[in-house]
Amino acid sequence: MKALHTLTLAIAAAMLAPAALAAAPAAKGGVNGEKVYAANCASCHAAGVLGAPKAGDKAAWAPRVKQGKEMLYTHGLQGFKMMPPKGGNPGLKDDEVKAAIDFMIKT
């Protein structure tokens, strides 16, 4: 009986795991900024490589946010200082870059 209970729990956990592991909800337009960030931006913005503001570092992002989101988007899309346009991935769509930026400043 105990084995059946354990098996039932294991099956239930396996069925629920994908939902529990799902990433953050998608932003407007169905783009998931967290996924875009993880795949394209985290290599620099997680560690602050070459002065990149770390995702979620409110103090580092504050002066940038004061310039306005449109300026942040422009920097992300066109490149700024050591950051290449679209973080070096020209295949990213503009709304994907914007969603990643939104994720980094809100995290």
PDB file of N, CA and C in Angstrom:
ATOM      1  N   MET A   1       0.821  -1.198   0.000  1.00  0.00           N
ATOM      2  CA  MET A   1       0.000   0.000   0.000  1.00  0.00           C
ATOM      3  C   MET A   1       0.868   1.266   0.000  1.00  0.00           C
ATOM      4  N   LYS A   2       1.951   1.206   0.791  1.00  0.00           N
ATOM      5  CA  LYS A   2       2.836   2.359   0.854  1.00  0.00           C
ATOM      6  C   LYS A   2       3.490   2.603  -0.508  1.00  0.00           C
ATOM      7  N   ALA A   3       3.833   1.535  -1.213  1.00  0.00           N
ATOM      8  CA  ALA A   3       4.443   1.668  -2.539  1.00  0.00           C
ATOM      9  C   ALA A   3       3.477   2.335  -3.508  1.00  0.00           C
ATOM     10  N   LEU A   4       2.199   1.999  -3.427  1.00  0.00           N
ATOM     11  CA  LEU A   4       1.188   2.605  -4.297  1.00  0.00           C
ATOM     12  C   LEU A   4       1.056   4.095  -3.992  1.00  0.00           C
ATOM     13  N   HIS A   5       1.075   4.441  -2.726  1.00  0.00           N
ATOM     14  CA  HIS A   5       0.990   5.850  -2.317  1.00  0.00           C
ATOM     15  C   HIS A   5       2.204   6.626  -2.844  1.00  0.00           C
ATOM     16  N   THR A   6       3.385   6.041  -2.719  1.00  0.00           N
ATOM     17  CA  THR A   6       4.608   6.675  -3.205  1.00  0.00           C
ATOM     18  C   THR A   6       4.566   6.840  -4.714  1.00  0.00           C
ATOM     19  N   LEU A   7       4.092   5.819  -5.410  1.00  0.00           N
ATOM     20  CA  LEU A   7       3.983   5.884  -6.866  1.00  0.00           C
ATOM     21  C   LEU A   7       3.001   6.970  -7.286  1.00  0.00           C
ATOM     22  N   THR A   8       1.884   7.065  -6.587  1.00  0.00           N
ATOM     23  CA  THR A   8       0.882   8.090  -6.892  1.00  0.00           C
ATOM     24  C   THR A   8       1.469   9.484  -6.705  1.00  0.00           C
ATOM     25  N   LEU A   9       2.198   9.684  -5.631  1.00  0.00           N
ATOM     26  CA  LEU A   9       2.830  10.982  -5.385  1.00  0.00           C
ATOM     27  C   LEU A   9       3.870  11.298  -6.452  1.00  0.00           C
ATOM     28  N   ALA A  10       4.635  10.314  -6.857  1.00  0.00           N
ATOM     29  CA  ALA A  10       5.654  10.529  -7.885  1.00  0.00           C
ATOM     30  C   ALA A  10       5.020  10.913  -9.216  1.00  0.00           C
ATOM     31  N   ILE A  11       3.934  10.250  -9.567  1.00  0.00           N
ATOM     32  CA  ILE A  11       3.235  10.570 -10.818  1.00  0.00           C
ATOM     33  C   ILE A  11       2.655  11.976 -10.753  1.00  0.00           C
ATOM     34  N   ALA A  12       2.039  12.314  -9.631  1.00  0.00           N
ATOM     35  CA  ALA A  12       1.463  13.655  -9.473  1.00  0.00           C
ATOM     36  C   ALA A  12       2.554  14.719  -9.562  1.00  0.00           C
ATOM     37  N   ALA A  13       3.680  14.472  -8.929  1.00  0.00           N
ATOM     38  CA  ALA A  13       4.781  15.441  -8.976  1.00  0.00           C
ATOM     39  C   ALA A  13       5.304  15.598 -10.395  1.00  0.00           C
ATOM     40  N   ALA A  14       5.409  14.491 -11.111  1.00  0.00           N
ATOM     41  CA  ALA A  14       5.896  14.553 -12.491  1.00  0.00           C
ATOM     42  C   ALA A  14       4.939  15.330 -13.383  1.00  0.00           C
ATOM     43  N   MET A  15       3.655  15.206 -13.122  1.00  0.00           N
ATOM     44  CA  MET A  15       2.660  15.912 -13.935  1.00  0.00           C
ATOM     45  C   MET A  15       2.634  17.402 -13.620  1.00  0.00           C
ATOM     46  N   LEU A  16       2.912  17.759 -12.384  1.00  0.00           N
ATOM     47  CA  LEU A  16       2.850  19.160 -11.974  1.00  0.00           C
ATOM     48  C   LEU A  16       4.167  19.896 -12.167  1.00  0.00           C
ATOM     49  N   ALA A  17       5.253  19.185 -12.315  1.00  0.00           N
ATOM     50  CA  ALA A  17       6.569  19.822 -12.423  1.00  0.00           C
ATOM     51  C   ALA A  17       6.668  20.843 -13.544  1.00  0.00           C
ATOM     52  N   PRO A  18       6.189  20.563 -14.754  1.00  0.00           N
ATOM     53  CA  PRO A  18       6.309  21.575 -15.810  1.00  0.00           C
ATOM     54  C   PRO A  18       5.632  22.899 -15.452  1.00  0.00           C
ATOM     55  N   ALA A  19       4.495  22.831 -14.806  1.00  0.00           N
ATOM     56  CA  ALA A  19       3.807  24.065 -14.416  1.00  0.00           C
ATOM     57  C   ALA A  19       4.597  24.804 -13.347  1.00  0.00           C
ATOM     58  N   ALA A  20       5.173  24.065 -12.432  1.00  0.00           N
ATOM     59  CA  ALA A  20       5.940  24.693 -11.359  1.00  0.00           C
ATOM     60  C   ALA A  20       7.229  25.310 -11.874  1.00  0.00           C
ATOM     61  N   LEU A  21       7.782  24.732 -12.922  1.00  0.00           N
ATOM     62  CA  LEU A  21       9.043  25.227 -13.461  1.00  0.00           C
ATOM     63  C   LEU A  21       8.865  26.258 -14.560  1.00  0.00           C
ATOM     64  N   ALA A  22       7.636  26.578 -14.882  1.00  0.00           N
ATOM     65  CA  ALA A  22       7.387  27.539 -15.959  1.00  0.00           C
ATOM     66  C   ALA A  22       8.021  28.875 -15.613  1.00  0.00           C
ATOM     67  N   ALA A  23       8.542  29.545 -16.627  1.00  0.00           N
ATOM     68  CA  ALA A  23       9.184  30.843 -16.430  1.00  0.00           C
ATOM     69  C   ALA A  23       8.134  31.901 -16.145  1.00  0.00           C
ATOM     70  N   ALA A  24       8.611  33.107 -15.926  1.00  0.00           N
ATOM     71  CA  ALA A  24       7.726  34.230 -15.648  1.00  0.00           C
ATOM     72  C   ALA A  24       6.725  34.404 -16.779  1.00  0.00           C
ATOM     73  N   PRO A  25       5.563  34.961 -16.463  1.00  0.00           N
ATOM     74  CA  PRO A  25       4.565  35.163 -17.509  1.00  0.00           C
ATOM     75  C   PRO A  25       5.071  36.094 -18.601  1.00  0.00           C
ATOM     76  N   ALA A  26       4.552  35.896 -19.768  1.00  0.00           N
ATOM     77  CA  ALA A  26       4.954  36.712 -20.914  1.00  0.00           C
ATOM     78  C   ALA A  26       4.456  38.135 -20.762  1.00  0.00           C
ATOM     79  N   ALA A  27       5.230  39.060 -21.276  1.00  0.00           N
ATOM     80  CA  ALA A  27       4.845  40.464 -21.272  1.00  0.00           C
ATOM     81  C   ALA A  27       3.848  40.698 -22.397  1.00  0.00           C
ATOM     82  N   LYS A  28       3.472  41.949 -22.567  1.00  0.00           N
ATOM     83  CA  LYS A  28       2.582  42.297 -23.666  1.00  0.00           C
ATOM     84  C   LYS A  28       3.125  41.745 -24.964  1.00  0.00           C
ATOM     85  N   GLY A  29       2.252  41.264 -25.805  1.00  0.00           N
ATOM     86  CA  GLY A  29       2.674  40.738 -27.093  1.00  0.00           C
ATOM     87  C   GLY A  29       3.155  39.304 -27.020  1.00  0.00           C
ATOM     88  N   GLY A  30       3.069  38.679 -25.853  1.00  0.00           N
ATOM     89  CA  GLY A  30       3.442  37.285 -25.723  1.00  0.00           C
ATOM     90  C   GLY A  30       4.931  37.022 -25.614  1.00  0.00           C
ATOM     91  N   VAL A  31       5.752  38.040 -25.449  1.00  0.00           N
ATOM     92  CA  VAL A  31       7.203  37.850 -25.343  1.00  0.00           C
ATOM     93  C   VAL A  31       7.576  37.692 -23.873  1.00  0.00           C
ATOM     94  N   ASN A  32       8.351  36.674 -23.572  1.00  0.00           N
ATOM     95  CA  ASN A  32       8.781  36.419 -22.207  1.00  0.00           C
ATOM     96  C   ASN A  32      10.173  37.017 -22.010  1.00  0.00           C
ATOM     97  N   GLY A  33      10.217  38.166 -21.347  1.00  0.00           N
ATOM     98  CA  GLY A  33      11.472  38.876 -21.141  1.00  0.00           C
ATOM     99  C   GLY A  33      12.495  38.088 -20.358  1.00  0.00           C
ATOM    100  N   GLU A  34      12.034  37.285 -19.419  1.00  0.00           N
ATOM    101  CA  GLU A  34      12.961  36.481 -18.620  1.00  0.00           C
ATOM    102  C   GLU A  34      13.669  35.449 -19.497  1.00  0.00           C
ATOM    103  N   LYS A  35      12.933  34.826 -20.393  1.00  0.00           N
ATOM    104  CA  LYS A  35      13.545  33.834 -21.287  1.00  0.00           C
ATOM    105  C   LYS A  35      14.532  34.499 -22.247  1.00  0.00           C
ATOM    106  N   VAL A  36      14.160  35.647 -22.784  1.00  0.00           N
ATOM    107  CA  VAL A  36      15.059  36.368 -23.692  1.00  0.00           C
ATOM    108  C   VAL A  36      16.323  36.763 -22.937  1.00  0.00           C
ATOM    109  N   TYR A  37      16.150  37.281 -21.725  1.00  0.00           N
ATOM    110  CA  TYR A  37      17.289  37.658 -20.880  1.00  0.00           C
ATOM    111  C   TYR A  37      18.204  36.455 -20.634  1.00  0.00           C
ATOM    112  N   ALA A  38      17.618  35.341 -20.221  1.00  0.00           N
ATOM    113  CA  ALA A  38      18.415  34.155 -19.897  1.00  0.00           C
ATOM    114  C   ALA A  38      19.216  33.660 -21.099  1.00  0.00           C
ATOM    115  N   ALA A  39      18.618  33.729 -22.270  1.00  0.00           N
ATOM    116  CA  ALA A  39      19.270  33.202 -23.472  1.00  0.00           C
ATOM    117  C   ALA A  39      20.257  34.178 -24.110  1.00  0.00           C
ATOM    118  N   ASN A  40      20.066  35.480 -23.879  1.00  0.00           N
ATOM    119  CA  ASN A  40      20.848  36.462 -24.633  1.00  0.00           C
ATOM    120  C   ASN A  40      21.579  37.510 -23.804  1.00  0.00           C
ATOM    121  N   CYS A  41      21.115  37.787 -22.619  1.00  0.00           N
ATOM    122  CA  CYS A  41      21.629  38.931 -21.863  1.00  0.00           C
ATOM    123  C   CYS A  41      22.381  38.541 -20.588  1.00  0.00           C
ATOM    124  N   ALA A  42      22.011  37.409 -20.012  1.00  0.00           N
ATOM    125  CA  ALA A  42      22.555  37.024 -18.709  1.00  0.00           C
ATOM    126  C   ALA A  42      24.066  36.855 -18.718  1.00  0.00           C
ATOM    127  N   SER A  43      24.634  36.482 -19.856  1.00  0.00           N
ATOM    128  CA  SER A  43      26.082  36.262 -19.890  1.00  0.00           C
ATOM    129  C   SER A  43      26.858  37.512 -19.482  1.00  0.00           C
ATOM    130  N   CYS A  44      26.310  38.679 -19.710  1.00  0.00           N
ATOM    131  CA  CYS A  44      26.954  39.929 -19.276  1.00  0.00           C
ATOM    132  C   CYS A  44      26.228  40.567 -18.093  1.00  0.00           C
ATOM    133  N   HIS A  45      24.898  40.608 -18.148  1.00  0.00           N
ATOM    134  CA  HIS A  45      24.140  41.343 -17.142  1.00  0.00           C
ATOM    135  C   HIS A  45      23.963  40.602 -15.820  1.00  0.00           C
ATOM    136  N   ALA A  46      24.248  39.312 -15.766  1.00  0.00           N
ATOM    137  CA  ALA A  46      24.178  38.601 -14.485  1.00  0.00           C
ATOM    138  C   ALA A  46      25.395  38.910 -13.624  1.00  0.00           C
ATOM    139  N   ALA A  47      26.542  39.120 -14.268  1.00  0.00           N
ATOM    140  CA  ALA A  47      27.789  39.346 -13.533  1.00  0.00           C
ATOM    141  C   ALA A  47      28.302  40.780 -13.628  1.00  0.00           C
ATOM    142  N   GLY A  48      27.655  41.612 -14.432  1.00  0.00           N
ATOM    143  CA  GLY A  48      28.112  42.988 -14.582  1.00  0.00           C
ATOM    144  C   GLY A  48      29.364  43.115 -15.434  1.00  0.00           C
ATOM    145  N   VAL A  49      29.492  42.264 -16.425  1.00  0.00           N
ATOM    146  CA  VAL A  49      30.664  42.265 -17.307  1.00  0.00           C
ATOM    147  C   VAL A  49      30.824  43.617 -18.002  1.00  0.00           C
ATOM    148  N   LEU A  50      32.041  44.154 -17.979  1.00  0.00           N
ATOM    149  CA  LEU A  50      32.385  45.426 -18.633  1.00  0.00           C
ATOM    150  C   LEU A  50      31.449  46.572 -18.249  1.00  0.00           C
ATOM    151  N   GLY A  51      30.988  46.557 -17.005  1.00  0.00           N
ATOM    152  CA  GLY A  51      30.139  47.636 -16.514  1.00  0.00           C
ATOM    153  C   GLY A  51      28.662  47.488 -16.817  1.00  0.00           C
ATOM    154  N   ALA A  52      28.255  46.354 -17.369  1.00  0.00           N
ATOM    155  CA  ALA A  52      26.828  46.136 -17.646  1.00  0.00           C
ATOM    156  C   ALA A  52      26.065  46.137 -16.328  1.00  0.00           C
ATOM    157  N   PRO A  53      24.961  46.886 -16.244  1.00  0.00           N
ATOM    158  CA  PRO A  53      24.188  46.861 -15.000  1.00  0.00           C
ATOM    159  C   PRO A  53      23.586  45.475 -14.786  1.00  0.00           C
ATOM    160  N   LYS A  54      23.716  44.973 -13.576  1.00  0.00           N
ATOM    161  CA  LYS A  54      23.194  43.643 -13.269  1.00  0.00           C
ATOM    162  C   LYS A  54      21.671  43.670 -13.238  1.00  0.00           C
ATOM    163  N   ALA A  55      21.082  42.617 -13.743  1.00  0.00           N
ATOM    164  CA  ALA A  55      19.627  42.493 -13.708  1.00  0.00           C
ATOM    165  C   ALA A  55      19.161  42.563 -12.262  1.00  0.00           C
ATOM    166  N   GLY A  56      18.185  43.398 -12.002  1.00  0.00           N
ATOM    167  CA  GLY A  56      17.623  43.518 -10.669  1.00  0.00           C
ATOM    168  C   GLY A  56      18.365  44.455  -9.732  1.00  0.00           C
ATOM    169  N   ASP A  57      19.488  45.004 -10.140  1.00  0.00           N
ATOM    170  CA  ASP A  57      20.255  45.927  -9.298  1.00  0.00           C
ATOM    171  C   ASP A  57      19.632  47.317  -9.433  1.00  0.00           C
ATOM    172  N   LYS A  58      18.704  47.602  -8.545  1.00  0.00           N
ATOM    173  CA  LYS A  58      17.929  48.851  -8.632  1.00  0.00           C
ATOM    174  C   LYS A  58      18.830  50.084  -8.643  1.00  0.00           C
ATOM    175  N   ALA A  59      19.886  50.075  -7.827  1.00  0.00           N
ATOM    176  CA  ALA A  59      20.780  51.237  -7.762  1.00  0.00           C
ATOM    177  C   ALA A  59      21.511  51.453  -9.087  1.00  0.00           C
ATOM    178  N   ALA A  60      21.948  50.379  -9.708  1.00  0.00           N
ATOM    179  CA  ALA A  60      22.663  50.501 -10.986  1.00  0.00           C
ATOM    180  C   ALA A  60      21.734  50.939 -12.114  1.00  0.00           C
ATOM    181  N   TRP A  61      20.486  50.492 -12.050  1.00  0.00           N
ATOM    182  CA  TRP A  61      19.537  50.824 -13.118  1.00  0.00           C
ATOM    183  C   TRP A  61      18.892  52.194 -12.932  1.00  0.00           C
ATOM    184  N   ALA A  62      18.854  52.708 -11.693  1.00  0.00           N
ATOM    185  CA  ALA A  62      18.130  53.955 -11.408  1.00  0.00           C
ATOM    186  C   ALA A  62      18.511  55.115 -12.328  1.00  0.00           C
ATOM    187  N   PRO A  63      19.800  55.448 -12.494  1.00  0.00           N
ATOM    188  CA  PRO A  63      20.120  56.578 -13.379  1.00  0.00           C
ATOM    189  C   PRO A  63      19.753  56.301 -14.836  1.00  0.00           C
ATOM    190  N   ARG A  64      19.779  55.064 -15.217  1.00  0.00           N
ATOM    191  CA  ARG A  64      19.415  54.707 -16.591  1.00  0.00           C
ATOM    192  C   ARG A  64      17.906  54.826 -16.792  1.00  0.00           C
ATOM    193  N   VAL A  65      17.153  54.369 -15.800  1.00  0.00           N
ATOM    194  CA  VAL A  65      15.691  54.444 -15.870  1.00  0.00           C
ATOM    195  C   VAL A  65      15.241  55.902 -15.913  1.00  0.00           C
ATOM    196  N   LYS A  66      15.981  56.778 -15.205  1.00  0.00           N
ATOM    197  CA  LYS A  66      15.638  58.208 -15.213  1.00  0.00           C
ATOM    198  C   LYS A  66      15.709  58.805 -16.615  1.00  0.00           C
ATOM    199  N   GLN A  67      16.519  58.215 -17.478  1.00  0.00           N
ATOM    200  CA  GLN A  67      16.617  58.696 -18.861  1.00  0.00           C
ATOM    201  C   GLN A  67      15.380  58.326 -19.676  1.00  0.00           C
ATOM    202  N   GLY A  68      14.592  57.420 -19.153  1.00  0.00           N
ATOM    203  CA  GLY A  68      13.369  56.996 -19.833  1.00  0.00           C
ATOM    204  C   GLY A  68      13.531  55.650 -20.513  1.00  0.00           C
ATOM    205  N   LYS A  69      12.421  54.932 -20.566  1.00  0.00           N
ATOM    206  CA  LYS A  69      12.452  53.607 -21.175  1.00  0.00           C
ATOM    207  C   LYS A  69      12.841  53.661 -22.643  1.00  0.00           C
ATOM    208  N   GLU A  70      12.405  54.684 -23.337  1.00  0.00           N
ATOM    209  CA  GLU A  70      12.729  54.764 -24.767  1.00  0.00           C
ATOM    210  C   GLU A  70      14.238  54.838 -24.986  1.00  0.00           C
ATOM    211  N   MET A  71      14.945  55.533 -24.095  1.00  0.00           N
ATOM    212  CA  MET A  71      16.403  55.603 -24.208  1.00  0.00           C
ATOM    213  C   MET A  71      17.017  54.230 -23.927  1.00  0.00           C
ATOM    214  N   LEU A  72      16.490  53.541 -22.915  1.00  0.00           N
ATOM    215  CA  LEU A  72      16.974  52.189 -22.626  1.00  0.00           C
ATOM    216  C   LEU A  72      16.745  51.271 -23.822  1.00  0.00           C
ATOM    217  N   TYR A  73      15.572  51.373 -24.402  1.00  0.00           N
ATOM    218  CA  TYR A  73      15.259  50.549 -25.576  1.00  0.00           C
ATOM    219  C   TYR A  73      16.205  50.876 -26.733  1.00  0.00           C
ATOM    220  N   THR A  74      16.463  52.162 -26.953  1.00  0.00           N
ATOM    221  CA  THR A  74      17.367  52.576 -28.028  1.00  0.00           C
ATOM    222  C   THR A  74      18.762  51.998 -27.806  1.00  0.00           C
ATOM    223  N   HIS A  75      19.249  52.078 -26.568  1.00  0.00           N
ATOM    224  CA  HIS A  75      20.566  51.517 -26.260  1.00  0.00           C
ATOM    225  C   HIS A  75      20.580  50.007 -26.493  1.00  0.00           C
ATOM    226  N   GLY A  76      19.518  49.346 -26.082  1.00  0.00           N
ATOM    227  CA  GLY A  76      19.446  47.902 -26.275  1.00  0.00           C
ATOM    228  C   GLY A  76      19.381  47.509 -27.740  1.00  0.00           C
ATOM    229  N   LEU A  77      18.642  48.269 -28.505  1.00  0.00           N
ATOM    230  CA  LEU A  77      18.458  47.953 -29.924  1.00  0.00           C
ATOM    231  C   LEU A  77      19.656  48.345 -30.783  1.00  0.00           C
ATOM    232  N   GLN A  78      20.251  49.498 -30.475  1.00  0.00           N
ATOM    233  CA  GLN A  78      21.329  50.017 -31.319  1.00  0.00           C
ATOM    234  C   GLN A  78      22.723  49.774 -30.747  1.00  0.00           C
ATOM    235  N   GLY A  79      22.776  49.361 -29.491  1.00  0.00           N
ATOM    236  CA  GLY A  79      24.056  49.175 -28.825  1.00  0.00           C
ATOM    237  C   GLY A  79      24.451  50.433 -28.073  1.00  0.00           C
ATOM    238  N   PHE A  80      25.309  50.258 -27.062  1.00  0.00           N
ATOM    239  CA  PHE A  80      25.737  51.390 -26.249  1.00  0.00           C
ATOM    240  C   PHE A  80      27.034  51.007 -25.550  1.00  0.00           C
ATOM    241  N   LYS A  81      28.033  51.850 -25.703  1.00  0.00           N
ATOM    242  CA  LYS A  81      29.363  51.598 -25.135  1.00  0.00           C
ATOM    243  C   LYS A  81      29.841  50.210 -25.557  1.00  0.00           C
ATOM    244  N   MET A  82      30.080  49.319 -24.611  1.00  0.00           N
ATOM    245  CA  MET A  82      30.616  47.992 -24.929  1.00  0.00           C
ATOM    246  C   MET A  82      29.545  46.991 -25.367  1.00  0.00           C
ATOM    247  N   MET A  83      28.272  47.348 -25.230  1.00  0.00           N
ATOM    248  CA  MET A  83      27.212  46.418 -25.599  1.00  0.00           C
ATOM    249  C   MET A  83      26.888  46.538 -27.086  1.00  0.00           C
ATOM    250  N   PRO A  84      26.940  45.434 -27.792  1.00  0.00           N
ATOM    251  CA  PRO A  84      26.591  45.483 -29.217  1.00  0.00           C
ATOM    252  C   PRO A  84      25.077  45.600 -29.404  1.00  0.00           C
ATOM    253  N   PRO A  85      24.635  46.020 -30.582  1.00  0.00           N
ATOM    254  CA  PRO A  85      23.195  46.079 -30.852  1.00  0.00           C
ATOM    255  C   PRO A  85      22.531  44.732 -30.555  1.00  0.00           C
ATOM    256  N   LYS A  86      21.393  44.809 -29.918  1.00  0.00           N
ATOM    257  CA  LYS A  86      20.595  43.628 -29.563  1.00  0.00           C
ATOM    258  C   LYS A  86      21.421  42.596 -28.793  1.00  0.00           C
ATOM    259  N   GLY A  87      22.364  43.100 -28.016  1.00  0.00           N
ATOM    260  CA  GLY A  87      23.189  42.218 -27.202  1.00  0.00           C
ATOM    261  C   GLY A  87      24.030  41.251 -28.012  1.00  0.00           C
ATOM    262  N   GLY A  88      24.230  41.568 -29.277  1.00  0.00           N
ATOM    263  CA  GLY A  88      25.028  40.700 -30.132  1.00  0.00           C
ATOM    264  C   GLY A  88      24.227  39.645 -30.875  1.00  0.00           C
ATOM    265  N   ASN A  89      22.908  39.682 -30.729  1.00  0.00           N
ATOM    266  CA  ASN A  89      22.059  38.716 -31.427  1.00  0.00           C
ATOM    267  C   ASN A  89      21.148  39.460 -32.399  1.00  0.00           C
ATOM    268  N   PRO A  90      21.593  39.657 -33.637  1.00  0.00           N
ATOM    269  CA  PRO A  90      20.784  40.408 -34.599  1.00  0.00           C
ATOM    270  C   PRO A  90      19.463  39.727 -34.947  1.00  0.00           C
ATOM    271  N   GLY A  91      19.314  38.468 -34.568  1.00  0.00           N
ATOM    272  CA  GLY A  91      18.073  37.747 -34.837  1.00  0.00           C
ATOM    273  C   GLY A  91      16.943  38.099 -33.885  1.00  0.00           C
ATOM    274  N   LEU A  92      17.261  38.816 -32.807  1.00  0.00           N
ATOM    275  CA  LEU A  92      16.205  39.197 -31.862  1.00  0.00           C
ATOM    276  C   LEU A  92      15.297  40.247 -32.484  1.00  0.00           C
ATOM    277  N   LYS A  93      14.020  40.114 -32.202  1.00  0.00           N
ATOM    278  CA  LYS A  93      13.050  41.121 -32.634  1.00  0.00           C
ATOM    279  C   LYS A  93      13.092  42.267 -31.633  1.00  0.00           C
ATOM    280  N   ASP A  94      12.676  43.435 -32.084  1.00  0.00           N
ATOM    281  CA  ASP A  94      12.691  44.614 -31.211  1.00  0.00           C
ATOM    282  C   ASP A  94      11.900  44.377 -29.931  1.00  0.00           C
ATOM    283  N   ASP A  95      10.720  43.743 -30.044  1.00  0.00           N
ATOM    284  CA  ASP A  95       9.906  43.536 -28.848  1.00  0.00           C
ATOM    285  C   ASP A  95      10.560  42.547 -27.884  1.00  0.00           C
ATOM    286  N   GLU A  96      11.402  41.658 -28.382  1.00  0.00           N
ATOM    287  CA  GLU A  96      12.129  40.741 -27.504  1.00  0.00           C
ATOM    288  C   GLU A  96      13.193  41.491 -26.706  1.00  0.00           C
ATOM    289  N   VAL A  97      13.897  42.390 -27.358  1.00  0.00           N
ATOM    290  CA  VAL A  97      14.906  43.203 -26.671  1.00  0.00           C
ATOM    291  C   VAL A  97      14.227  44.060 -25.604  1.00  0.00           C
ATOM    292  N   LYS A  98      13.119  44.680 -25.960  1.00  0.00           N
ATOM    293  CA  LYS A  98      12.396  45.529 -25.008  1.00  0.00           C
ATOM    294  C   LYS A  98      11.896  44.718 -23.818  1.00  0.00           C
ATOM    295  N   ALA A  99      11.395  43.516 -24.064  1.00  0.00           N
ATOM    296  CA  ALA A  99      10.907  42.664 -22.973  1.00  0.00           C
ATOM    297  C   ALA A  99      12.049  42.268 -22.039  1.00  0.00           C
ATOM    298  N   ALA A 100      13.222  42.000 -22.593  1.00  0.00           N
ATOM    299  CA  ALA A 100      14.381  41.659 -21.761  1.00  0.00           C
ATOM    300  C   ALA A 100      14.794  42.849 -20.900  1.00  0.00           C
ATOM    301  N   ILE A 101      14.768  44.034 -21.480  1.00  0.00           N
ATOM    302  CA  ILE A 101      15.099  45.247 -20.720  1.00  0.00           C
ATOM    303  C   ILE A 101      14.087  45.446 -19.604  1.00  0.00           C
ATOM    304  N   ASP A 102      12.815  45.304 -19.914  1.00  0.00           N
ATOM    305  CA  ASP A 102      11.777  45.433 -18.887  1.00  0.00           C
ATOM    306  C   ASP A 102      12.009  44.433 -17.761  1.00  0.00           C
ATOM    307  N   PHE A 103      12.380  43.213 -18.104  1.00  0.00           N
ATOM    308  CA  PHE A 103      12.653  42.200 -17.088  1.00  0.00           C
ATOM    309  C   PHE A 103      13.831  42.618 -16.205  1.00  0.00           C
ATOM    310  N   MET A 104      14.907  43.096 -16.819  1.00  0.00           N
ATOM    311  CA  MET A 104      16.101  43.452 -16.039  1.00  0.00           C
ATOM    312  C   MET A 104      15.851  44.599 -15.073  1.00  0.00           C
ATOM    313  N   ILE A 105      15.035  45.560 -15.453  1.00  0.00           N
ATOM    314  CA  ILE A 105      14.825  46.702 -14.558  1.00  0.00           C
ATOM    315  C   ILE A 105      13.772  46.416 -13.495  1.00  0.00           C
ATOM    316  N   LYS A 106      12.951  45.397 -13.698  1.00  0.00           N
ATOM    317  CA  LYS A 106      11.902  45.074 -12.722  1.00  0.00           C
ATOM    318  C   LYS A 106      12.284  43.950 -11.783  1.00  0.00           C
ATOM    319  N   THR A 107      13.301  43.197 -12.128  1.00  0.00           N
ATOM    320  CA  THR A 107      13.670  42.020 -11.333  1.00  0.00           C
ATOM    321  C   THR A 107      14.234  42.432  -9.994  1.00  0.00           C
TER     322      THR A 107
END
